PDB file of N, CA and C in Angstrom:
ATOM      1  N   MET A   1    -110.082  74.213 101.995  1.00  0.00           N
ATOM      2  CA  MET A   1    -111.391  74.260 101.351  1.00  0.00           C
ATOM      3  C   MET A   1    -111.446  73.212 100.348  1.00  0.00           C
ATOM      4  N   PRO A   2    -112.713  72.446 100.429  1.00  0.00           N
ATOM      5  CA  PRO A   2    -112.759  71.365  99.141  1.00  0.00           C
ATOM      6  C   PRO A   2    -113.106  72.104  97.952  1.00  0.00           C
ATOM      7  N   GLY A   3    -112.260  71.254  96.944  1.00  0.00           N
ATOM      8  CA  GLY A   3    -112.451  71.823  95.505  1.00  0.00           C
ATOM      9  C   GLY A   3    -111.578  72.835  95.134  1.00  0.00           C
ATOM     10  N   ARG A   4    -110.702  73.158  96.065  1.00  0.00           N
ATOM     11  CA  ARG A   4    -109.810  74.305  95.765  1.00  0.00           C
ATOM     12  C   ARG A   4    -108.455  73.611  95.670  1.00  0.00           C
ATOM     13  N   HIS A   5    -107.694  74.036  94.585  1.00  0.00           N
ATOM     14  CA  HIS A   5    -106.317  73.519  94.263  1.00  0.00           C
ATOM     15  C   HIS A   5    -105.242  74.437  94.830  1.00  0.00           C
ATOM     16  N   ARG A   6    -104.204  73.728  95.458  1.00  0.00           N
ATOM     17  CA  ARG A   6    -103.092  74.720  95.752  1.00  0.00           C
ATOM     18  C   ARG A   6    -102.153  74.695  94.708  1.00  0.00           C
ATOM     19  N   THR A   7    -101.504  76.031  94.246  1.00  0.00           N
ATOM     20  CA  THR A   7    -100.410  76.100  93.563  1.00  0.00           C
ATOM     21  C   THR A   7     -99.177  75.662  94.181  1.00  0.00           C
ATOM     22  N   PRO A   8     -98.467  74.728  93.457  1.00  0.00           N
ATOM     23  CA  PRO A   8     -97.095  74.496  94.114  1.00  0.00           C
ATOM     24  C   PRO A   8     -96.168  75.719  94.291  1.00  0.00           C
ATOM     25  N   ALA A   9     -95.508  75.820  95.263  1.00  0.00           N
ATOM     26  CA  ALA A   9     -94.369  76.723  95.477  1.00  0.00           C
ATOM     27  C   ALA A   9     -93.511  76.920  94.389  1.00  0.00           C
ATOM     28  N   PRO A  10     -93.035  77.974  93.990  1.00  0.00           N
ATOM     29  CA  PRO A  10     -92.047  77.994  92.842  1.00  0.00           C
ATOM     30  C   PRO A  10     -90.765  77.127  93.314  1.00  0.00           C
ATOM     31  N   MET A  11     -90.151  76.615  92.253  1.00  0.00           N
ATOM     32  CA  MET A  11     -88.952  75.767  92.561  1.00  0.00           C
ATOM     33  C   MET A  11     -87.803  76.553  92.864  1.00  0.00           C
ATOM     34  N   GLY A  12     -86.948  76.200  93.783  1.00  0.00           N
ATOM     35  CA  GLY A  12     -85.550  76.947  94.070  1.00  0.00           C
ATOM     36  C   GLY A  12     -84.417  76.357  93.322  1.00  0.00           C
ATOM     37  N   CYS A  13     -83.294  76.815  93.486  1.00  0.00           N
ATOM     38  CA  CYS A  13     -82.046  76.394  92.620  1.00  0.00           C
ATOM     39  C   CYS A  13     -81.743  74.980  93.196  1.00  0.00           C
ATOM     40  N   ARG A  14     -81.869  74.737  94.386  1.00  0.00           N
ATOM     41  CA  ARG A  14     -81.263  73.333  94.945  1.00  0.00           C
ATOM     42  C   ARG A  14     -82.134  72.273  94.379  1.00  0.00           C
ATOM     43  N   GLU A  15     -83.620  72.502  94.530  1.00  0.00           N
ATOM     44  CA  GLU A  15     -84.516  71.577  93.991  1.00  0.00           C
ATOM     45  C   GLU A  15     -84.247  71.434  92.611  1.00  0.00           C
ATOM     46  N   ALA A  16     -84.104  72.474  91.728  1.00  0.00           N
ATOM     47  CA  ALA A  16     -83.877  72.442  90.262  1.00  0.00           C
ATOM     48  C   ALA A  16     -82.561  71.547  90.088  1.00  0.00           C
ATOM     49  N   ALA A  17     -81.591  71.854  90.716  1.00  0.00           N
ATOM     50  CA  ALA A  17     -80.343  71.055  90.448  1.00  0.00           C
ATOM     51  C   ALA A  17     -80.475  69.624  90.569  1.00  0.00           C
ATOM     52  N   ARG A  18     -81.280  69.305  91.742  1.00  0.00           N
ATOM     53  CA  ARG A  18     -81.294  67.975  92.208  1.00  0.00           C
ATOM     54  C   ARG A  18     -82.218  67.104  91.106  1.00  0.00           C
ATOM     55  N   VAL A  19     -83.223  67.682  90.205  1.00  0.00           N
ATOM     56  CA  VAL A  19     -83.747  67.136  89.391  1.00  0.00           C
ATOM     57  C   VAL A  19     -83.629  67.440  87.779  1.00  0.00           C
ATOM     58  N   LEU A  20     -82.486  68.185  87.670  1.00  0.00           N
ATOM     59  CA  LEU A  20     -82.111  68.709  86.325  1.00  0.00           C
ATOM     60  C   LEU A  20     -81.924  67.694  85.160  1.00  0.00           C
ATOM     61  N   GLN A  21     -80.991  66.597  85.608  1.00  0.00           N
ATOM     62  CA  GLN A  21     -80.837  65.544  84.869  1.00  0.00           C
ATOM     63  C   GLN A  21     -81.967  64.785  84.377  1.00  0.00           C
ATOM     64  N   SER A  22     -82.771  64.507  85.366  1.00  0.00           N
ATOM     65  CA  SER A  22     -83.996  63.646  85.106  1.00  0.00           C
ATOM     66  C   SER A  22     -85.041  64.564  84.352  1.00  0.00           C
ATOM     67  N   TYR A  23     -85.012  65.882  84.407  1.00  0.00           N
ATOM     68  CA  TYR A  23     -85.907  66.720  83.596  1.00  0.00           C
ATOM     69  C   TYR A  23     -85.357  66.615  82.199  1.00  0.00           C
ATOM     70  N   LEU A  24     -84.042  66.721  82.028  1.00  0.00           N
ATOM     71  CA  LEU A  24     -83.459  66.835  80.637  1.00  0.00           C
ATOM     72  C   LEU A  24     -83.619  65.554  79.883  1.00  0.00           C
ATOM     73  N   ASP A  25     -83.761  64.320  80.778  1.00  0.00           N
ATOM     74  CA  ASP A  25     -83.921  63.073  80.162  1.00  0.00           C
ATOM     75  C   ASP A  25     -85.397  62.598  80.030  1.00  0.00           C
ATOM     76  N   GLY A  26     -86.195  63.594  80.274  1.00  0.00           N
ATOM     77  CA  GLY A  26     -87.752  63.405  80.094  1.00  0.00           C
ATOM     78  C   GLY A  26     -88.305  62.470  81.087  1.00  0.00           C
ATOM     79  N   GLN A  27     -87.797  62.303  82.274  1.00  0.00           N
ATOM     80  CA  GLN A  27     -88.106  61.438  83.319  1.00  0.00           C
ATOM     81  C   GLN A  27     -89.047  61.975  84.316  1.00  0.00           C
ATOM     82  N   LEU A  28     -89.419  63.168  84.190  1.00  0.00           N
ATOM     83  CA  LEU A  28     -90.186  63.729  85.261  1.00  0.00           C
ATOM     84  C   LEU A  28     -91.656  63.856  84.742  1.00  0.00           C
ATOM     85  N   ASP A  29     -92.757  63.760  85.721  1.00  0.00           N
ATOM     86  CA  ASP A  29     -94.068  63.979  85.373  1.00  0.00           C
ATOM     87  C   ASP A  29     -94.264  65.345  84.872  1.00  0.00           C
ATOM     88  N   ALA A  30     -95.349  65.602  84.195  1.00  0.00           N
ATOM     89  CA  ALA A  30     -95.713  66.912  83.642  1.00  0.00           C
ATOM     90  C   ALA A  30     -95.647  68.042  84.653  1.00  0.00           C
ATOM     91  N   ALA A  31     -96.320  67.722  85.728  1.00  0.00           N
ATOM     92  CA  ALA A  31     -96.310  68.850  86.896  1.00  0.00           C
ATOM     93  C   ALA A  31     -94.785  69.292  87.175  1.00  0.00           C
ATOM     94  N   GLU A  32     -94.053  68.253  87.533  1.00  0.00           N
ATOM     95  CA  GLU A  32     -92.746  68.519  87.932  1.00  0.00           C
ATOM     96  C   GLU A  32     -91.944  69.215  86.885  1.00  0.00           C
ATOM     97  N   ALA A  33     -92.013  68.694  85.649  1.00  0.00           N
ATOM     98  CA  ALA A  33     -91.238  69.133  84.410  1.00  0.00           C
ATOM     99  C   ALA A  33     -91.667  70.619  84.377  1.00  0.00           C
ATOM    100  N   GLY A  34     -93.050  70.932  84.431  1.00  0.00           N
ATOM    101  CA  GLY A  34     -93.466  72.310  84.389  1.00  0.00           C
ATOM    102  C   GLY A  34     -92.809  73.249  85.439  1.00  0.00           C
ATOM    103  N   ARG A  35     -92.828  72.862  86.471  1.00  0.00           N
ATOM    104  CA  ARG A  35     -91.957  73.635  87.659  1.00  0.00           C
ATOM    105  C   ARG A  35     -90.562  73.770  87.208  1.00  0.00           C
ATOM    106  N   VAL A  36     -89.775  72.775  86.688  1.00  0.00           N
ATOM    107  CA  VAL A  36     -88.544  73.037  86.551  1.00  0.00           C
ATOM    108  C   VAL A  36     -88.484  73.852  85.321  1.00  0.00           C
ATOM    109  N   ALA A  37     -89.150  73.789  84.214  1.00  0.00           N
ATOM    110  CA  ALA A  37     -89.052  74.793  83.115  1.00  0.00           C
ATOM    111  C   ALA A  37     -89.369  76.109  83.566  1.00  0.00           C
ATOM    112  N   ASP A  38     -90.455  76.359  84.388  1.00  0.00           N
ATOM    113  CA  ASP A  38     -90.769  77.717  85.042  1.00  0.00           C
ATOM    114  C   ASP A  38     -89.578  78.300  85.711  1.00  0.00           C
ATOM    115  N   HIS A  39     -88.847  77.525  86.270  1.00  0.00           N
ATOM    116  CA  HIS A  39     -87.635  77.911  87.127  1.00  0.00           C
ATOM    117  C   HIS A  39     -86.515  78.256  86.147  1.00  0.00           C
ATOM    118  N   LEU A  40     -86.244  77.385  85.186  1.00  0.00           N
ATOM    119  CA  LEU A  40     -85.292  77.564  84.089  1.00  0.00           C
ATOM    120  C   LEU A  40     -85.517  78.927  83.311  1.00  0.00           C
ATOM    121  N   GLU A  41     -86.641  79.415  83.233  1.00  0.00           N
ATOM    122  CA  GLU A  41     -86.969  80.545  82.505  1.00  0.00           C
ATOM    123  C   GLU A  41     -86.637  81.737  83.294  1.00  0.00           C
ATOM    124  N   VAL A  42     -86.799  81.755  84.693  1.00  0.00           N
ATOM    125  CA  VAL A  42     -86.374  82.999  85.435  1.00  0.00           C
ATOM    126  C   VAL A  42     -85.080  83.016  86.101  1.00  0.00           C
ATOM    127  N   CYS A  43     -84.398  81.801  86.148  1.00  0.00           N
ATOM    128  CA  CYS A  43     -83.288  81.778  86.870  1.00  0.00           C
ATOM    129  C   CYS A  43     -82.071  81.563  85.708  1.00  0.00           C
ATOM    130  N   ARG A  44     -81.269  82.671  85.605  1.00  0.00           N
ATOM    131  CA  ARG A  44     -80.242  82.666  84.547  1.00  0.00           C
ATOM    132  C   ARG A  44     -79.206  81.438  84.867  1.00  0.00           C
ATOM    133  N   ARG A  45     -78.605  81.365  86.109  1.00  0.00           N
ATOM    134  CA  ARG A  45     -77.757  80.465  86.539  1.00  0.00           C
ATOM    135  C   ARG A  45     -78.199  79.069  86.157  1.00  0.00           C
ATOM    136  N   CYS A  46     -79.424  78.682  86.662  1.00  0.00           N
ATOM    137  CA  CYS A  46     -79.906  77.257  86.250  1.00  0.00           C
ATOM    138  C   CYS A  46     -80.125  76.975  84.825  1.00  0.00           C
ATOM    139  N   GLY A  47     -80.629  78.196  84.184  1.00  0.00           N
ATOM    140  CA  GLY A  47     -80.970  78.167  82.623  1.00  0.00           C
ATOM    141  C   GLY A  47     -79.538  77.789  81.983  1.00  0.00           C
ATOM    142  N   LEU A  48     -78.496  78.385  82.291  1.00  0.00           N
ATOM    143  CA  LEU A  48     -77.094  78.211  81.773  1.00  0.00           C
ATOM    144  C   LEU A  48     -76.640  76.657  82.126  1.00  0.00           C
ATOM    145  N   ASP A  49     -76.956  76.263  83.183  1.00  0.00           N
ATOM    146  CA  ASP A  49     -76.545  74.849  83.548  1.00  0.00           C
ATOM    147  C   ASP A  49     -77.324  73.947  82.682  1.00  0.00           C
ATOM    148  N   ALA A  50     -78.609  74.030  82.464  1.00  0.00           N
ATOM    149  CA  ALA A  50     -79.417  73.177  81.667  1.00  0.00           C
ATOM    150  C   ALA A  50     -78.966  73.402  80.207  1.00  0.00           C
ATOM    151  N   ALA A  51     -78.559  74.568  79.858  1.00  0.00           N
ATOM    152  CA  ALA A  51     -77.985  74.741  78.375  1.00  0.00           C
ATOM    153  C   ALA A  51     -76.644  73.944  78.214  1.00  0.00           C
ATOM    154  N   THR A  52     -75.860  74.079  79.159  1.00  0.00           N
ATOM    155  CA  THR A  52     -74.718  73.468  79.162  1.00  0.00           C
ATOM    156  C   THR A  52     -74.705  71.801  79.183  1.00  0.00           C
ATOM    157  N   PHE A  53     -75.619  71.333  79.943  1.00  0.00           N
ATOM    158  CA  PHE A  53     -75.875  69.804  79.974  1.00  0.00           C
ATOM    159  C   PHE A  53     -76.488  69.383  78.645  1.00  0.00           C
ATOM    160  N   ARG A  54     -77.288  70.319  77.979  1.00  0.00           N
ATOM    161  CA  ARG A  54     -77.989  69.984  76.795  1.00  0.00           C
ATOM    162  C   ARG A  54     -76.912  69.906  75.792  1.00  0.00           C
ATOM    163  N   SER A  55     -76.099  70.820  75.636  1.00  0.00           N
ATOM    164  CA  SER A  55     -74.936  70.886  74.703  1.00  0.00           C
ATOM    165  C   SER A  55     -74.064  69.618  74.872  1.00  0.00           C
ATOM    166  N   ILE A  56     -73.631  69.278  76.186  1.00  0.00           N
ATOM    167  CA  ILE A  56     -72.839  68.119  76.433  1.00  0.00           C
ATOM    168  C   ILE A  56     -73.617  66.792  75.891  1.00  0.00           C
ATOM    169  N   LYS A  57     -74.763  66.627  76.365  1.00  0.00           N
ATOM    170  CA  LYS A  57     -75.581  65.591  75.853  1.00  0.00           C
ATOM    171  C   LYS A  57     -75.651  65.477  74.433  1.00  0.00           C
ATOM    172  N   ALA A  58     -75.900  66.513  73.567  1.00  0.00           N
ATOM    173  CA  ALA A  58     -75.939  66.449  72.173  1.00  0.00           C
ATOM    174  C   ALA A  58     -74.464  66.103  71.512  1.00  0.00           C
ATOM    175  N   THR A  59     -73.563  66.531  72.085  1.00  0.00           N
ATOM    176  CA  THR A  59     -72.141  66.403  71.706  1.00  0.00           C
ATOM    177  C   THR A  59     -71.953  64.839  71.886  1.00  0.00           C
ATOM    178  N   LEU A  60     -72.147  64.374  73.124  1.00  0.00           N
ATOM    179  CA  LEU A  60     -71.986  62.857  73.322  1.00  0.00           C
ATOM    180  C   LEU A  60     -72.695  62.017  72.376  1.00  0.00           C
ATOM    181  N   ALA A  61     -74.054  62.533  72.125  1.00  0.00           N
ATOM    182  CA  ALA A  61     -74.876  61.481  71.307  1.00  0.00           C
ATOM    183  C   ALA A  61     -74.250  61.382  69.832  1.00  0.00           C
ATOM    184  N   GLY A  62     -73.587  62.458  69.333  1.00  0.00           N
ATOM    185  CA  GLY A  62     -73.051  62.434  67.978  1.00  0.00           C
ATOM    186  C   GLY A  62     -71.469  62.003  68.116  1.00  0.00           C
ATOM    187  N   ALA A  63     -71.085  61.506  69.225  1.00  0.00           N
ATOM    188  CA  ALA A  63     -69.635  61.366  69.250  1.00  0.00           C
ATOM    189  C   ALA A  63     -69.215  59.892  69.270  1.00  0.00           C
ATOM    190  N   ALA A  64     -69.808  59.102  68.411  1.00  0.00           N
ATOM    191  CA  ALA A  64     -69.409  57.810  68.361  1.00  0.00           C
ATOM    192  C   ALA A  64     -68.440  57.725  67.117  1.00  0.00           C
ATOM    193  N   PRO A  65     -67.119  57.666  67.290  1.00  0.00           N
ATOM    194  CA  PRO A  65     -66.315  57.859  66.256  1.00  0.00           C
ATOM    195  C   PRO A  65     -66.199  56.541  65.633  1.00  0.00           C
ATOM    196  N   GLU A  66     -65.813  56.530  64.344  1.00  0.00           N
ATOM    197  CA  GLU A  66     -65.548  55.490  63.419  1.00  0.00           C
ATOM    198  C   GLU A  66     -64.165  54.775  63.987  1.00  0.00           C
ATOM    199  N   PRO A  67     -64.148  53.462  64.087  1.00  0.00           N
ATOM    200  CA  PRO A  67     -62.786  52.816  64.558  1.00  0.00           C
ATOM    201  C   PRO A  67     -61.812  53.129  63.402  1.00  0.00           C
ATOM    202  N   GLU A  68     -60.531  53.182  63.723  1.00  0.00           N
ATOM    203  CA  GLU A  68     -59.304  53.372  62.657  1.00  0.00           C
ATOM    204  C   GLU A  68     -59.540  52.184  61.890  1.00  0.00           C
ATOM    205  N   PRO A  69     -59.006  52.248  60.573  1.00  0.00           N
ATOM    206  CA  PRO A  69     -58.925  51.215  59.715  1.00  0.00           C
ATOM    207  C   PRO A  69     -57.939  50.035  60.391  1.00  0.00           C
ATOM    208  N   GLY A  70     -58.339  48.869  60.275  1.00  0.00           N
ATOM    209  CA  GLY A  70     -57.707  47.756  60.945  1.00  0.00           C
ATOM    210  C   GLY A  70     -58.054  47.458  62.240  1.00  0.00           C
ATOM    211  N   VAL A  71     -58.605  48.199  63.141  1.00  0.00           N
ATOM    212  CA  VAL A  71     -58.874  48.022  64.408  1.00  0.00           C
ATOM    213  C   VAL A  71     -59.666  46.884  64.618  1.00  0.00           C
ATOM    214  N   VAL A  72     -60.850  46.622  63.957  1.00  0.00           N
ATOM    215  CA  VAL A  72     -61.615  45.609  64.092  1.00  0.00           C
ATOM    216  C   VAL A  72     -61.061  44.364  63.596  1.00  0.00           C
ATOM    217  N   ASP A  73     -60.195  44.304  62.630  1.00  0.00           N
ATOM    218  CA  ASP A  73     -59.610  43.066  62.246  1.00  0.00           C
ATOM    219  C   ASP A  73     -58.778  42.497  63.299  1.00  0.00           C
ATOM    220  N   ARG A  74     -57.866  43.799  64.009  1.00  0.00           N
ATOM    221  CA  ARG A  74     -57.047  43.236  64.988  1.00  0.00           C
ATOM    222  C   ARG A  74     -57.748  42.756  66.202  1.00  0.00           C
ATOM    223  N   LEU A  75     -58.880  43.142  66.659  1.00  0.00           N
ATOM    224  CA  LEU A  75     -59.615  42.718  67.716  1.00  0.00           C
ATOM    225  C   LEU A  75     -60.133  41.473  67.533  1.00  0.00           C
ATOM    226  N   GLU A  76     -60.582  41.173  66.141  1.00  0.00           N
ATOM    227  CA  GLU A  76     -61.115  39.740  65.881  1.00  0.00           C
ATOM    228  C   GLU A  76     -60.029  38.673  65.831  1.00  0.00           C
ATOM    229  N   ALA A  77     -58.749  39.105  65.329  1.00  0.00           N
ATOM    230  CA  ALA A  77     -57.749  38.318  65.492  1.00  0.00           C
ATOM    231  C   ALA A  77     -57.320  37.841  66.743  1.00  0.00           C
ATOM    232  N   PHE A  78     -57.358  38.980  67.696  1.00  0.00           N
ATOM    233  CA  PHE A  78     -56.939  38.822  69.056  1.00  0.00           C
ATOM    234  C   PHE A  78     -57.994  37.767  69.779  1.00  0.00           C
ATOM    235  N   ALA A  79     -59.283  38.117  69.546  1.00  0.00           N
ATOM    236  CA  ALA A  79     -60.384  37.157  70.088  1.00  0.00           C
ATOM    237  C   ALA A  79     -60.068  35.775  69.618  1.00  0.00           C
ATOM    238  N   ARG A  80     -59.871  35.524  68.311  1.00  0.00           N
ATOM    239  CA  ARG A  80     -59.667  34.182  67.893  1.00  0.00           C
ATOM    240  C   ARG A  80     -58.439  33.448  68.574  1.00  0.00           C
ATOM    241  N   SER A  81     -57.425  34.431  68.856  1.00  0.00           N
ATOM    242  CA  SER A  81     -56.037  33.788  69.429  1.00  0.00           C
ATOM    243  C   SER A  81     -56.398  33.413  70.900  1.00  0.00           C
ATOM    244  N   LEU A  82     -57.338  33.912  71.582  1.00  0.00           N
ATOM    245  CA  LEU A  82     -57.584  33.718  72.876  1.00  0.00           C
ATOM    246  C   LEU A  82     -57.970  32.190  73.081  1.00  0.00           C
ATOM    247  N   GLY A  83     -58.676  31.722  71.961  1.00  0.00           N
ATOM    248  CA  GLY A  83     -59.102  30.299  72.064  1.00  0.00           C
ATOM    249  C   GLY A  83     -57.886  29.345  71.960  1.00  0.00           C
ATOM    250  N   ASP A  84     -56.783  29.742  71.345  1.00  0.00           N
ATOM    251  CA  ASP A  84     -55.631  28.732  71.324  1.00  0.00           C
ATOM    252  C   ASP A  84     -54.591  29.024  72.452  1.00  0.00           C
ATOM    253  N   GLY A  85     -54.874  30.170  73.284  1.00  0.00           N
ATOM    254  CA  GLY A  85     -53.957  30.394  74.377  1.00  0.00           C
ATOM    255  C   GLY A  85     -52.711  31.205  73.922  1.00  0.00           C
ATOM    256  N   LYS A  86     -52.622  31.707  72.713  1.00  0.00           N
ATOM    257  CA  LYS A  86     -51.438  32.415  72.203  1.00  0.00           C
ATOM    258  C   LYS A  86     -52.069  33.863  71.706  1.00  0.00           C
ATOM    259  N   PRO A  87     -52.201  34.831  72.363  1.00  0.00           N
ATOM    260  CA  PRO A  87     -52.409  36.072  71.747  1.00  0.00           C
ATOM    261  C   PRO A  87     -51.561  36.636  70.805  1.00  0.00           C
ATOM    262  N   GLU A  88     -52.147  37.183  69.688  1.00  0.00           N
ATOM    263  CA  GLU A  88     -51.423  37.531  68.631  1.00  0.00           C
ATOM    264  C   GLU A  88     -51.025  39.155  68.967  1.00  0.00           C
ATOM    265  N   HIS A  89     -49.743  39.492  68.633  1.00  0.00           N
ATOM    266  CA  HIS A  89     -49.267  40.775  68.684  1.00  0.00           C
ATOM    267  C   HIS A  89     -49.101  41.382  67.373  1.00  0.00           C
ATOM    268  N   ARG A  90     -49.268  42.656  67.075  1.00  0.00           N
ATOM    269  CA  ARG A  90     -49.066  43.358  65.926  1.00  0.00           C
ATOM    270  C   ARG A  90     -48.362  44.579  66.315  1.00  0.00           C
TER     271      ARG A  90
END
């Protein structure tokens, strides 16, 4: 019928799994993101998967360790030594 909108079918686990990373990265359009969000609210397994991936992403985002003292100096010295053909060893 003209003027009548069809409601998309609920998302299943396979489809949710296929787009989960894109959903978590904010790469889905609003309609698709809404379908994923609706599925995650009713499916415990997929909801747990999403929570796990969010936790991993958050951990990795804050996991840029500071280099140990002297590492940058040793790398710079090594890079300079490449120009003269004699790598420095420490």
